[in-house]
Amino acid sequence: MSTATHDTKNEAPAKPTTTVGKAADYLDQRTSIGVAVKEFARKVFPDHWSFMLGEIALFSFVVLIISGFFLTMFFEPSMALEHYEGEHPASMQGQLMSVAFASTLEMSFEVRGGLLMRQIHHWSALIFMASIVVHMMRVFFTGAFRKPREINWIVGILLMILGLAAGFTGYSLPDDVLSGNGLRITDGVVKSIPVLGSFMSYMIFGGEFPGHHIVPRLFTLHIFVVPGILLALIALHLFLMVLQKHTQYPGGGRTDKNVVGYPALPVYVAKMTGNFFIVFGVLVLMGATMSINNVWNYGPFDPSPVSAGAQPDWYMLFLEGSLRLMPGQGTEWVILGYTLPLNVLIPAVVIPGLLFTFLIVYPFIEAKVSGDDREHHVLDRPRNKPARTGLGVAFLTAFIILALAGSNDLIATHFALSINAITWVFRVLFFVGPVFAYFITKRICLGLQRKDRELVLHGHESGRIVRFATGEYIEVHTPLDDQERWLRVNYEAPGPLAIAPKTDARGVKRKGYGADKRWQVLSRFFYEDRVSPVTPAEVAAAHSHGEHDELHGSERQAVEAGAGTTSREH
């Protein structure tokens, strides 16, 4: 008689029977990828529509890669000259043009689906940049750049800069009049750099502008270098987001130690997949119905014509407007035999440099002036950070003014106005508008905070007037529920930095006092005007009066006790 027992502990797991299961098991046994997939599937993501802005940028980039791969197979990046012999468009037949421009025409009129792909690619680039900018605005106004996300903020800024580079190198490839004029402006900007400018221009163009090498070089940058760096930064951006967990908007039960939302699988992945197809479909619809960048209307590049109404894509308009607003008279200086063209250097190099430098260093400045070194995973309400919100609106105002200035010729022709008058108006607005926008935005934020205090202390106005037996009239207020109250009181309003005295106990000036004093002054700019959140003691004191609380039994008793008592609703 056998005494052997069945050991269930050493029993081999059941093997998969489906093809997909077998493939997954094969891969997991050799890479242990199942652990990573399981961990990602359990990852919780908060649910808010604004988080889709980053996804729109990602999905637009995917469409850019797909459509760009198609276009690469038909575009010839050569500046050699030839006579165009294509059937369409008729206006271009027999004209002398570069091979790059001719291949763009052939792609648009001879290749099946070529024009559709060109327009999808162009619209995808515009939506890609728009979604990045709006996404960065959301991150800035809600304070999502705070510790531990400073590195991811810098990665986002680099992605935006590289997006500008990708757009510039892309729309310069067809070698038409519009892109040629843009390259000519770029040549002037490069040459404005002191000492090194002319040498840099010679290196970029391979000789005097336009040379014979710029289109092939831009092509290499556009399809290989810039997309490669973009892919690497996007991967880093997503990795840091997963590593540091996602930020979430303030609300009941949401703290810096948890994430309230849905798991990646199946909820969030399903939403992302649906969002991808929506973005893809909208871009295809735009490419099929909205004509854009019809290069045959401009013709092949010729350095002699520069027509009115020639503007770059929207995200480069601020540079165009900056150049148009800068005065020319008295701004070119000759120093030691070198010409310093401030009329180009300041608007095209200094102003963008200041803008991107401000964006990169801002998280560190705010952390310094607030003295806050903690981790933050719950976002701010913009109203609770008046100085930050005001600065963001001020920079957006300056950007919009410069973008409008980049179209001053179109404004002049469409509204029959003097272009000189328009230019001077925009020059004044560039300095006055951001200051005014900052002041108004800050006042609005402080007013909204005071309104929140009023709501917490007294509740919502119900529009119901009650008269007591004593003849006293009151308006009945509806108290806030716990979620509303929590949202309006659970924030911090730090004051300006407190620094050590100027001198020590022996009367000797303290080392580092000057730097501390400067940081304190900057801290006052951020936090001197503030509205502190309501404390529990203030809530208790306000509700102890009773007049502003919602009436239930007491109201009924008062009405029954007083003859002629009335209750009127508004």
Protein backbone atom coordinates (compact mmCIF):
# COMPACT_ATOMS: atom_id res chain seq x y z
CA MET A 1 0.00 0.00 0.00
CA SER A 2 1.46 3.35 -1.06
CA THR A 3 1.96 6.05 1.57
CA ALA A 4 2.95 8.83 -0.84
CA THR A 5 1.22 12.18 -0.29
CA HIS A 6 0.36 14.91 -2.81
CA ASP A 7 2.51 18.00 -2.17
CA THR A 8 0.40 21.00 -3.19
CA LYS A 9 3.12 23.51 -2.24
CA ASN A 10 5.46 22.35 -5.00
CA GLU A 11 2.73 21.99 -7.59
CA ALA A 12 3.63 23.83 -10.78
CA PRO A 13 1.25 26.67 -11.73
CA ALA A 14 -1.19 26.02 -14.52
CA LYS A 15 0.15 26.91 -17.91
CA PRO A 16 -1.77 29.32 -20.11
CA THR A 17 -3.76 27.83 -22.94
CA THR A 18 -4.49 30.84 -25.19
CA THR A 19 -2.05 32.28 -27.71
CA VAL A 20 -1.94 35.64 -25.97
CA GLY A 21 -1.44 33.98 -22.61
CA LYS A 22 1.39 31.84 -23.90
CA ALA A 23 3.12 34.86 -25.43
CA ALA A 24 2.72 36.85 -22.21
CA ASP A 25 4.02 33.93 -20.13
CA TYR A 26 7.01 33.52 -22.44
CA LEU A 27 7.88 37.20 -22.14
CA ASP A 28 7.33 37.31 -18.37
CA GLN A 29 9.61 34.34 -17.70
CA ARG A 30 12.45 36.07 -19.52
CA THR A 31 11.96 39.70 -18.48
CA SER A 32 9.76 39.61 -15.31
CA ILE A 33 7.68 42.31 -16.95
CA GLY A 34 4.59 41.03 -15.18
CA VAL A 35 5.71 42.71 -11.95
CA ALA A 36 5.94 46.11 -13.66
CA VAL A 37 2.60 45.63 -15.43
CA LYS A 38 0.93 44.65 -12.14
CA GLU A 39 2.40 47.66 -10.38
CA PHE A 40 1.31 50.04 -13.13
CA ALA A 41 -2.16 48.51 -13.28
CA ARG A 42 -2.65 49.34 -9.59
CA LYS A 43 -1.41 52.91 -10.04
CA VAL A 44 -4.14 55.39 -9.08
CA PHE A 45 -4.72 58.51 -11.18
CA PRO A 46 -7.00 61.40 -10.15
CA ASP A 47 -9.93 62.18 -12.39
CA HIS A 48 -10.11 65.76 -13.68
CA TRP A 49 -10.57 67.12 -17.19
CA SER A 50 -7.52 69.43 -17.00
CA PHE A 51 -5.21 66.41 -16.67
CA MET A 52 -6.20 65.55 -20.25
CA LEU A 53 -4.26 68.57 -21.56
CA GLY A 54 -0.96 66.74 -21.20
CA GLU A 55 -2.49 63.71 -22.90
CA ILE A 56 -3.59 65.85 -25.84
CA ALA A 57 0.01 67.00 -26.25
CA LEU A 58 1.23 63.39 -26.11
CA PHE A 59 -1.35 62.13 -28.60
CA SER A 60 -0.71 65.06 -30.96
CA PHE A 61 2.96 64.11 -30.89
CA VAL A 62 2.05 60.53 -31.82
CA VAL A 63 0.05 61.83 -34.79
CA LEU A 64 3.02 64.02 -35.72
CA ILE A 65 5.31 60.98 -35.76
CA ILE A 66 2.86 58.92 -37.88
CA SER A 67 2.16 61.65 -40.43
CA GLY A 68 5.81 62.76 -40.48
CA PHE A 69 6.93 59.22 -41.31
CA PHE A 70 4.62 59.29 -44.34
CA LEU A 71 5.85 62.70 -45.51
CA THR A 72 9.52 61.74 -45.11
CA MET A 73 9.16 59.10 -47.82
CA PHE A 74 8.23 61.70 -50.46
CA PHE A 75 10.08 64.88 -49.47
CA GLU A 76 13.48 65.58 -51.06
CA PRO A 77 15.59 67.93 -48.91
CA SER A 78 17.65 69.43 -51.69
CA MET A 79 18.23 73.06 -52.69
CA ALA A 80 19.30 72.15 -56.23
CA LEU A 81 17.30 74.08 -58.84
CA GLU A 82 14.95 72.64 -61.44
CA HIS A 83 12.01 73.68 -63.60
CA TYR A 84 8.71 72.36 -62.33
CA GLU A 85 6.92 70.17 -64.88
CA GLY A 86 4.02 68.93 -62.76
CA GLU A 87 0.44 69.20 -63.97
CA HIS A 88 -0.80 70.88 -60.79
CA PRO A 89 -0.91 73.64 -59.81
CA ALA A 90 -0.99 75.33 -63.20
CA SER A 91 0.50 78.57 -61.83
CA MET A 92 3.76 76.78 -60.94
CA GLN A 93 4.39 75.06 -64.28
CA GLY A 94 7.76 75.90 -65.81
CA GLN A 95 8.94 77.99 -62.84
CA LEU A 96 12.49 77.66 -61.53
CA MET A 97 12.45 76.33 -57.96
CA SER A 98 14.37 74.15 -55.56
CA VAL A 99 13.92 70.39 -55.50
CA ALA A 100 12.56 70.76 -51.96
CA PHE A 101 9.76 73.05 -53.12
CA ALA A 102 9.03 70.88 -56.17
CA SER A 103 8.77 67.74 -54.03
CA THR A 104 6.37 69.58 -51.70
CA LEU A 105 4.12 70.38 -54.68
CA GLU A 106 4.32 66.82 -55.98
CA MET A 107 3.52 65.48 -52.52
CA SER A 108 0.48 67.75 -52.34
CA PHE A 109 -0.94 67.08 -55.84
CA GLU A 110 0.50 63.80 -57.13
CA VAL A 111 0.79 61.56 -54.07
CA ARG A 112 -2.49 59.97 -52.98
CA GLY A 113 -3.36 61.43 -49.58
CA GLY A 114 -0.25 63.60 -49.58
CA LEU A 115 -2.02 66.93 -49.08
CA LEU A 116 -4.19 65.43 -46.35
CA MET A 117 -1.09 64.15 -44.54
CA ARG A 118 0.66 67.52 -44.89
CA GLN A 119 -2.29 69.32 -43.36
CA ILE A 120 -2.76 66.75 -40.59
CA HIS A 121 0.95 67.11 -39.79
CA HIS A 122 0.73 70.91 -39.66
CA TRP A 123 -2.44 70.99 -37.56
CA SER A 124 -0.95 68.40 -35.21
CA ALA A 125 2.06 70.66 -34.68
CA LEU A 126 -0.18 73.62 -33.84
CA ILE A 127 -2.32 71.58 -31.43
CA PHE A 128 0.82 70.03 -29.92
CA MET A 129 2.21 73.43 -29.01
CA ALA A 130 -1.17 74.77 -27.88
CA SER A 131 -1.75 71.84 -25.53
CA ILE A 132 1.78 72.15 -24.11
CA VAL A 133 1.29 75.84 -23.41
CA VAL A 134 -2.13 75.36 -21.81
CA HIS A 135 -0.82 72.36 -19.84
CA MET A 136 2.09 74.43 -18.53
CA MET A 137 -0.35 77.20 -17.60
CA ARG A 138 -2.36 74.71 -15.56
CA VAL A 139 0.80 73.49 -13.84
CA PHE A 140 1.94 77.05 -13.10
CA PHE A 141 -1.33 78.45 -11.75
CA THR A 142 -2.00 75.43 -9.51
CA GLY A 143 1.55 75.16 -8.16
CA ALA A 144 2.16 71.66 -9.55
CA PHE A 145 5.84 72.61 -10.01
CA ARG A 146 6.57 72.62 -6.26
CA LYS A 147 8.77 70.08 -4.52
CA PRO A 148 9.36 67.31 -5.58
CA ARG A 149 8.44 68.25 -9.19
CA GLU A 150 10.94 70.99 -9.97
CA ILE A 151 12.89 68.69 -12.31
CA ASN A 152 9.73 67.68 -14.15
CA TRP A 153 8.84 71.38 -14.54
CA ILE A 154 12.22 72.02 -16.17
CA VAL A 155 11.67 69.00 -18.41
CA GLY A 156 8.33 70.52 -19.44
CA ILE A 157 9.98 73.86 -20.27
CA LEU A 158 12.58 72.04 -22.38
CA LEU A 159 9.78 70.17 -24.17
CA MET A 160 8.12 73.49 -24.99
CA ILE A 161 11.40 74.96 -26.31
CA LEU A 162 12.04 71.85 -28.40
CA GLY A 163 8.49 72.07 -29.70
CA LEU A 164 9.30 75.58 -30.94
CA ALA A 165 12.46 74.20 -32.58
CA ALA A 166 10.53 71.35 -34.20
CA GLY A 167 7.95 73.75 -35.58
CA PHE A 168 10.55 76.17 -36.91
CA THR A 169 12.64 73.47 -38.61
CA GLY A 170 9.47 71.94 -40.05
CA TYR A 171 7.80 74.93 -41.68
CA SER A 172 11.16 76.08 -43.06
CA LEU A 173 11.59 72.93 -45.16
CA PRO A 174 9.31 73.67 -48.19
CA ASP A 175 11.63 76.53 -49.28
CA ASP A 176 8.76 78.82 -50.25
CA VAL A 177 8.67 82.60 -49.91
CA LEU A 178 7.13 82.51 -46.41
CA SER A 179 9.61 80.01 -44.94
CA GLY A 180 12.49 81.73 -46.75
CA ASN A 181 11.58 85.06 -45.15
CA GLY A 182 11.53 83.32 -41.77
CA LEU A 183 15.01 81.93 -42.38
CA ARG A 184 16.19 85.39 -43.43
CA ILE A 185 14.94 86.79 -40.11
CA THR A 186 16.72 83.94 -38.31
CA ASP A 187 19.93 84.80 -40.13
CA GLY A 188 19.61 88.41 -38.95
CA VAL A 189 18.95 87.32 -35.36
CA VAL A 190 22.02 85.05 -35.36
CA LYS A 191 24.20 87.80 -36.81
CA SER A 192 23.04 90.22 -34.09
CA ILE A 193 24.88 88.19 -31.43
CA PRO A 194 28.02 90.17 -30.54
CA VAL A 195 31.37 88.96 -31.90
CA LEU A 196 30.24 85.41 -32.72
CA GLY A 197 27.13 86.18 -34.76
CA SER A 198 28.62 86.32 -38.25
CA PHE A 199 30.68 83.17 -37.67
CA MET A 200 27.63 81.31 -36.35
CA SER A 201 25.56 82.34 -39.39
CA TYR A 202 28.31 81.15 -41.73
CA MET A 203 28.42 77.82 -39.90
CA ILE A 204 24.63 77.33 -39.91
CA PHE A 205 24.03 78.21 -43.55
CA GLY A 206 27.32 76.84 -44.89
CA GLY A 207 28.28 80.23 -46.28
CA GLU A 208 26.39 83.40 -47.05
CA PHE A 209 22.61 83.24 -46.75
CA PRO A 210 20.82 81.27 -48.12
CA GLY A 211 23.58 78.90 -49.22
CA HIS A 212 22.89 75.37 -50.45
CA HIS A 213 22.91 73.38 -47.22
CA ILE A 214 20.29 74.84 -44.88
CA VAL A 215 17.31 72.73 -46.02
CA PRO A 216 19.16 69.37 -45.71
CA ARG A 217 20.46 70.43 -42.31
CA LEU A 218 17.02 71.50 -41.12
CA PHE A 219 15.63 68.21 -42.45
CA THR A 220 18.11 66.23 -40.35
CA LEU A 221 17.24 68.28 -37.27
CA HIS A 222 13.51 68.00 -37.92
CA ILE A 223 13.20 64.26 -38.47
CA PHE A 224 16.06 62.91 -36.36
CA VAL A 225 17.66 65.16 -33.75
CA VAL A 226 14.71 67.13 -32.34
CA PRO A 227 12.21 64.20 -32.32
CA GLY A 228 14.81 61.98 -30.68
CA ILE A 229 15.38 64.44 -27.86
CA LEU A 230 11.62 65.00 -27.57
CA LEU A 231 11.01 61.27 -27.21
CA ALA A 232 13.69 61.00 -24.53
CA LEU A 233 12.27 63.96 -22.57
CA ILE A 234 8.68 62.70 -22.89
CA ALA A 235 9.79 59.32 -21.52
CA LEU A 236 11.58 61.07 -18.65
CA HIS A 237 8.54 63.28 -18.02
CA LEU A 238 6.18 60.28 -17.81
CA PHE A 239 8.64 58.29 -15.68
CA LEU A 240 8.93 61.13 -13.15
CA MET A 241 5.15 61.55 -13.09
CA VAL A 242 4.64 57.86 -12.25
CA LEU A 243 7.54 57.83 -9.80
CA GLN A 244 6.38 60.89 -7.86
CA LYS A 245 2.63 60.06 -8.13
CA HIS A 246 0.13 62.39 -9.70
CA THR A 247 -0.96 65.71 -8.22
CA GLN A 248 -4.62 66.17 -7.34
CA TYR A 249 -6.98 69.06 -6.81
CA PRO A 250 -7.95 69.97 -3.24
CA GLY A 251 -11.05 68.31 -1.86
CA GLY A 252 -12.37 66.21 0.96
CA GLY A 253 -10.16 63.25 1.81
CA ARG A 254 -7.30 64.39 -0.44
CA THR A 255 -3.96 64.91 1.26
CA ASP A 256 -0.27 64.94 0.39
CA LYS A 257 -0.09 61.30 1.48
CA ASN A 258 -2.72 59.76 -0.82
CA VAL A 259 -4.21 59.91 -4.32
CA VAL A 260 -7.98 59.79 -4.80
CA GLY A 261 -8.95 58.51 -8.22
CA TYR A 262 -9.17 55.44 -10.41
CA PRO A 263 -6.65 52.68 -11.16
CA ALA A 264 -4.75 52.70 -14.43
CA LEU A 265 -6.32 49.40 -15.50
CA PRO A 266 -8.97 49.24 -16.69
CA VAL A 267 -10.44 52.69 -16.04
CA TYR A 268 -7.68 55.15 -16.89
CA VAL A 269 -6.23 53.19 -19.81
CA ALA A 270 -9.70 52.99 -21.35
CA LYS A 271 -10.13 56.75 -20.98
CA MET A 272 -6.71 57.42 -22.49
CA THR A 273 -7.45 55.14 -25.44
CA GLY A 274 -10.73 56.88 -26.09
CA ASN A 275 -9.07 60.28 -25.78
CA PHE A 276 -6.39 59.24 -28.27
CA PHE A 277 -8.94 58.30 -30.93
CA ILE A 278 -10.87 61.52 -30.32
CA VAL A 279 -7.71 63.60 -30.78
CA PHE A 280 -6.72 61.57 -33.84
CA GLY A 281 -10.19 61.95 -35.35
CA VAL A 282 -10.34 65.70 -34.71
CA LEU A 283 -6.91 66.22 -36.29
CA VAL A 284 -7.89 64.18 -39.36
CA LEU A 285 -11.12 66.18 -39.65
CA MET A 286 -9.19 69.45 -39.39
CA GLY A 287 -6.67 68.29 -41.99
CA ALA A 288 -9.45 67.27 -44.36
CA THR A 289 -11.57 70.41 -44.06
CA MET A 290 -9.26 73.28 -43.05
CA SER A 291 -6.66 74.27 -45.61
CA ILE A 292 -3.32 75.37 -44.17
CA ASN A 293 0.15 76.26 -45.48
CA ASN A 294 -0.70 76.27 -49.18
CA VAL A 295 2.86 76.95 -50.32
CA TRP A 296 1.89 77.31 -54.00
CA ASN A 297 0.14 80.57 -53.10
CA TYR A 298 3.50 82.03 -52.03
CA GLY A 299 5.71 80.47 -54.71
CA PRO A 300 9.34 79.34 -54.50
CA PHE A 301 11.71 81.34 -52.32
CA ASP A 302 12.89 84.61 -53.78
CA PRO A 303 14.73 87.04 -51.48
CA SER A 304 13.26 90.11 -53.19
CA PRO A 305 9.51 89.97 -52.30
CA VAL A 306 8.33 90.38 -48.71
CA SER A 307 4.55 90.66 -48.75
CA ALA A 308 2.23 92.01 -46.08
CA GLY A 309 0.40 89.41 -44.06
CA ALA A 310 3.43 87.11 -43.80
CA GLN A 311 3.32 85.69 -40.28
CA PRO A 312 4.75 82.51 -38.76
CA ASP A 313 2.68 79.98 -36.83
CA TRP A 314 0.94 81.32 -33.74
CA TYR A 315 3.54 80.12 -31.23
CA MET A 316 6.27 82.15 -32.97
CA LEU A 317 4.19 85.30 -33.33
CA PHE A 318 5.49 86.76 -30.07
CA LEU A 319 9.00 86.87 -31.57
CA GLU A 320 7.67 88.48 -34.74
CA GLY A 321 5.77 91.07 -32.71
CA SER A 322 8.79 91.76 -30.51
CA LEU A 323 10.88 92.53 -33.60
CA ARG A 324 8.19 94.77 -35.08
CA LEU A 325 7.78 96.84 -31.92
CA MET A 326 11.48 97.52 -31.33
CA PRO A 327 12.50 100.97 -32.62
CA GLY A 328 15.34 101.04 -35.11
CA GLN A 329 16.64 104.60 -34.84
CA GLY A 330 19.54 104.97 -32.44
CA THR A 331 19.65 101.28 -31.51
CA GLU A 332 22.67 100.23 -33.60
CA TRP A 333 25.93 100.93 -31.80
CA VAL A 334 29.46 100.44 -33.12
CA ILE A 335 31.88 99.38 -30.36
CA LEU A 336 35.54 98.64 -31.19
CA GLY A 337 34.65 98.07 -34.80
CA TYR A 338 31.80 95.66 -34.00
CA THR A 339 28.17 96.60 -34.70
CA LEU A 340 25.80 95.92 -31.83
CA PRO A 341 22.26 95.85 -33.34
CA LEU A 342 20.11 96.24 -30.22
CA ASN A 343 17.02 96.57 -32.43
CA VAL A 344 17.37 92.84 -33.20
CA LEU A 345 19.32 91.53 -30.22
CA ILE A 346 16.92 92.76 -27.52
CA PRO A 347 13.58 91.63 -29.03
CA ALA A 348 14.77 88.33 -30.52
CA VAL A 349 17.37 87.16 -27.99
CA VAL A 350 17.09 89.06 -24.70
CA ILE A 351 13.29 89.03 -24.28
CA PRO A 352 12.84 85.29 -25.06
CA GLY A 353 15.86 84.54 -22.88
CA LEU A 354 14.32 86.42 -19.95
CA LEU A 355 10.98 84.69 -20.48
CA PHE A 356 12.35 81.14 -20.42
CA THR A 357 14.82 81.95 -17.64
CA PHE A 358 11.93 83.23 -15.50
CA LEU A 359 9.93 80.06 -16.15
CA ILE A 360 12.87 77.79 -15.27
CA VAL A 361 13.91 79.51 -12.03
CA TYR A 362 10.46 80.44 -10.74
CA PRO A 363 9.85 77.25 -8.66
CA PHE A 364 13.12 77.80 -6.83
CA ILE A 365 12.39 81.50 -6.23
CA GLU A 366 8.94 80.78 -4.81
CA ALA A 367 10.32 78.06 -2.53
CA LYS A 368 12.99 80.48 -1.29
CA VAL A 369 10.70 83.43 -0.56
CA SER A 370 8.13 81.22 1.17
CA GLY A 371 10.64 79.24 3.20
CA ASP A 372 8.72 76.10 2.24
CA ASP A 373 10.79 72.94 1.81
CA ARG A 374 8.02 70.35 2.13
CA GLU A 375 6.63 68.01 -0.50
CA HIS A 376 3.33 69.05 -2.10
CA HIS A 377 0.95 66.69 -3.88
CA VAL A 378 -2.29 68.66 -3.47
CA LEU A 379 -2.65 71.56 -5.87
CA ASP A 380 -3.31 75.20 -4.98
CA ARG A 381 -6.41 77.11 -5.91
CA PRO A 382 -5.12 80.05 -8.02
CA ARG A 383 -7.03 82.53 -5.89
CA ASN A 384 -5.04 81.46 -2.83
CA LYS A 385 -1.74 82.52 -4.48
CA PRO A 386 -2.51 86.05 -5.69
CA ALA A 387 1.08 87.06 -6.57
CA ARG A 388 1.77 83.89 -8.55
CA THR A 389 -1.55 84.12 -10.40
CA GLY A 390 -0.95 87.80 -11.11
CA LEU A 391 2.51 87.12 -12.51
CA GLY A 392 1.15 84.36 -14.73
CA VAL A 393 -1.59 86.59 -16.13
CA ALA A 394 0.94 89.42 -16.62
CA PHE A 395 3.21 87.21 -18.72
CA LEU A 396 0.24 85.92 -20.71
CA THR A 397 -0.82 89.51 -21.33
CA ALA A 398 2.65 90.39 -22.63
CA PHE A 399 2.61 87.29 -24.87
CA ILE A 400 -0.81 88.20 -26.32
CA ILE A 401 0.24 91.81 -26.94
CA LEU A 402 3.38 90.67 -28.78
CA ALA A 403 1.37 88.14 -30.79
CA LEU A 404 -1.09 90.85 -31.84
CA ALA A 405 1.81 93.15 -32.69
CA GLY A 406 3.09 90.42 -35.00
CA SER A 407 -0.04 91.01 -37.06
CA ASN A 408 -0.02 94.81 -36.99
CA ASP A 409 -0.04 94.97 -40.79
CA LEU A 410 -3.18 92.82 -41.01
CA ILE A 411 -4.87 94.90 -38.31
CA ALA A 412 -4.00 98.05 -40.25
CA THR A 413 -5.35 96.75 -43.58
CA HIS A 414 -8.50 95.13 -42.18
CA PHE A 415 -9.55 98.07 -40.00
CA ALA A 416 -8.13 100.92 -42.15
CA LEU A 417 -5.88 102.15 -39.35
CA SER A 418 -2.44 103.71 -39.34
CA ILE A 419 0.24 101.06 -38.86
CA ASN A 420 2.41 103.62 -37.07
CA ALA A 421 -0.38 104.40 -34.60
CA ILE A 422 -1.00 100.67 -34.02
CA THR A 423 2.70 100.09 -33.40
CA TRP A 424 2.89 102.88 -30.82
CA VAL A 425 -0.24 101.63 -29.06
CA PHE A 426 1.30 98.17 -28.77
CA ARG A 427 4.60 99.64 -27.53
CA VAL A 428 2.80 101.39 -24.70
CA LEU A 429 0.62 98.36 -23.96
CA PHE A 430 3.66 96.08 -23.75
CA PHE A 431 4.89 97.99 -20.70
CA VAL A 432 1.56 99.08 -19.19
CA GLY A 433 -0.62 96.04 -19.95
CA PRO A 434 1.23 93.40 -17.87
CA VAL A 435 1.44 95.73 -14.84
CA PHE A 436 -2.25 96.51 -15.08
CA ALA A 437 -3.09 92.81 -15.57
CA TYR A 438 -1.02 91.87 -12.51
CA PHE A 439 -2.70 94.46 -10.29
CA ILE A 440 -6.25 93.58 -11.41
CA THR A 441 -5.66 89.82 -11.15
CA LYS A 442 -4.19 90.12 -7.67
CA ARG A 443 -7.12 92.25 -6.51
CA ILE A 444 -9.59 89.71 -7.94
CA CYS A 445 -7.82 86.84 -6.14
CA LEU A 446 -7.85 88.69 -2.82
CA GLY A 447 -11.52 89.54 -3.32
CA LEU A 448 -12.36 85.90 -3.99
CA GLN A 449 -10.51 84.90 -0.82
CA ARG A 450 -12.53 87.41 1.20
CA LYS A 451 -15.68 86.04 -0.40
CA ASP A 452 -14.64 82.54 0.71
CA ARG A 453 -14.19 83.83 4.28
CA GLU A 454 -17.66 85.33 4.16
CA LEU A 455 -19.17 82.06 2.95
CA VAL A 456 -17.40 80.01 5.62
CA LEU A 457 -18.43 82.36 8.42
CA HIS A 458 -22.02 83.07 7.35
CA GLY A 459 -22.99 80.53 4.66
CA HIS A 460 -24.80 80.98 1.37
CA GLU A 461 -27.42 83.67 0.95
CA SER A 462 -30.77 81.94 0.73
CA GLY A 463 -32.84 84.96 -0.34
CA ARG A 464 -35.32 84.24 2.48
CA ILE A 465 -36.23 87.07 4.89
CA VAL A 466 -37.75 86.18 8.27
CA ARG A 467 -39.33 88.49 10.84
CA PHE A 468 -39.28 87.52 14.50
CA ALA A 469 -41.97 88.25 17.03
CA THR A 470 -39.92 91.18 18.24
CA GLY A 471 -40.16 92.79 14.81
CA GLU A 472 -36.54 92.01 13.92
CA TYR A 473 -35.85 91.02 10.29
CA ILE A 474 -33.05 88.68 9.34
CA GLU A 475 -31.95 86.90 6.19
CA VAL A 476 -31.60 83.17 6.67
CA HIS A 477 -28.25 81.82 5.45
CA THR A 478 -27.59 78.22 4.43
CA PRO A 479 -24.47 76.81 6.11
CA LEU A 480 -21.81 75.23 3.91
CA ASP A 481 -21.47 71.49 3.88
CA ASP A 482 -18.24 69.87 5.03
CA GLN A 483 -16.77 69.59 1.53
CA GLU A 484 -17.37 73.26 0.69
CA ARG A 485 -16.01 74.42 4.02
CA TRP A 486 -12.91 72.20 3.78
CA LEU A 487 -12.08 73.54 0.32
CA ARG A 488 -12.19 77.14 1.53
CA VAL A 489 -10.24 76.79 4.76
CA ASN A 490 -7.63 74.12 4.04
CA TYR A 491 -4.85 76.26 2.58
CA GLU A 492 -1.86 78.20 3.83
CA ALA A 493 -1.23 81.93 3.57
CA PRO A 494 2.45 82.37 4.48
CA GLY A 495 3.72 85.76 5.53
CA PRO A 496 6.94 87.46 4.42
CA LEU A 497 10.20 85.90 5.49
CA ALA A 498 11.47 86.71 8.97
CA ILE A 499 15.24 87.21 9.08
CA ALA A 500 17.79 87.48 11.87
CA PRO A 501 18.83 90.95 13.12
CA LYS A 502 21.37 92.98 11.21
CA THR A 503 23.96 92.77 14.01
CA ASP A 504 24.85 90.04 16.43
CA ALA A 505 25.06 90.32 20.23
CA ARG A 506 28.43 92.13 19.97
CA GLY A 507 27.10 94.73 17.52
CA VAL A 508 28.98 93.26 14.55
CA LYS A 509 27.14 93.19 11.24
CA ARG A 510 25.97 89.70 10.48
CA LYS A 511 27.46 87.99 7.44
CA GLY A 512 24.84 87.36 4.78
CA TYR A 513 22.45 90.02 6.08
CA GLY A 514 22.39 91.82 2.72
CA ALA A 515 21.29 88.70 0.85
CA ASP A 516 18.69 87.88 3.51
CA LYS A 517 17.33 91.42 3.29
CA ARG A 518 16.93 91.17 -0.50
CA TRP A 519 15.07 87.88 -0.19
CA GLN A 520 12.84 89.42 2.48
CA VAL A 521 11.96 92.32 0.17
CA LEU A 522 11.07 89.86 -2.59
CA SER A 523 9.06 87.82 -0.10
CA ARG A 524 7.03 90.91 0.78
CA PHE A 525 6.17 91.27 -2.91
CA PHE A 526 4.70 87.76 -2.85
CA TYR A 527 3.08 87.53 0.57
CA GLU A 528 2.57 90.96 2.13
CA ASP A 529 -0.99 91.16 0.78
CA ARG A 530 -2.75 88.02 1.92
CA VAL A 531 -6.01 86.79 3.41
CA SER A 532 -5.59 84.19 6.13
CA PRO A 533 -7.91 81.16 6.10
CA VAL A 534 -10.74 81.02 8.60
CA THR A 535 -9.85 79.35 11.89
CA PRO A 536 -12.16 77.01 13.82
CA ALA A 537 -12.44 79.65 16.56
CA GLU A 538 -13.70 82.21 14.04
CA VAL A 539 -16.27 79.75 12.69
CA ALA A 540 -17.52 78.99 16.19
CA ALA A 541 -17.75 82.69 17.06
CA ALA A 542 -19.66 83.51 13.86
CA HIS A 543 -22.15 80.66 14.31
CA SER A 544 -22.72 81.38 17.99
CA HIS A 545 -24.79 84.47 17.13
CA GLY A 546 -27.47 82.37 15.50
CA GLU A 547 -28.79 85.02 13.12
CA HIS A 548 -26.87 83.66 10.16
CA ASP A 549 -27.51 79.98 10.78
CA GLU A 550 -30.18 78.15 8.85
CA LEU A 551 -33.41 78.27 10.82
CA HIS A 552 -35.33 75.09 11.49
CA GLY A 553 -37.29 74.66 14.69
CA SER A 554 -36.39 78.11 16.01
CA GLU A 555 -37.79 79.75 12.91
CA ARG A 556 -41.04 77.83 13.25
CA GLN A 557 -41.38 78.79 16.91
CA ALA A 558 -40.74 82.44 16.14
CA VAL A 559 -43.37 82.48 13.44
CA GLU A 560 -45.95 80.80 15.70
CA ALA A 561 -45.23 83.13 18.61
CA GLY A 562 -45.46 86.45 16.78
CA ALA A 563 -48.74 87.80 15.46
CA GLY A 564 -48.36 89.27 12.02
CA THR A 565 -44.97 87.62 11.52
CA THR A 566 -44.20 87.22 7.82
CA SER A 567 -41.80 85.12 5.84
CA ARG A 568 -40.98 86.29 2.34
CA GLU A 569 -38.86 84.51 -0.28
CA HIS A 570 -36.93 86.32 -2.96
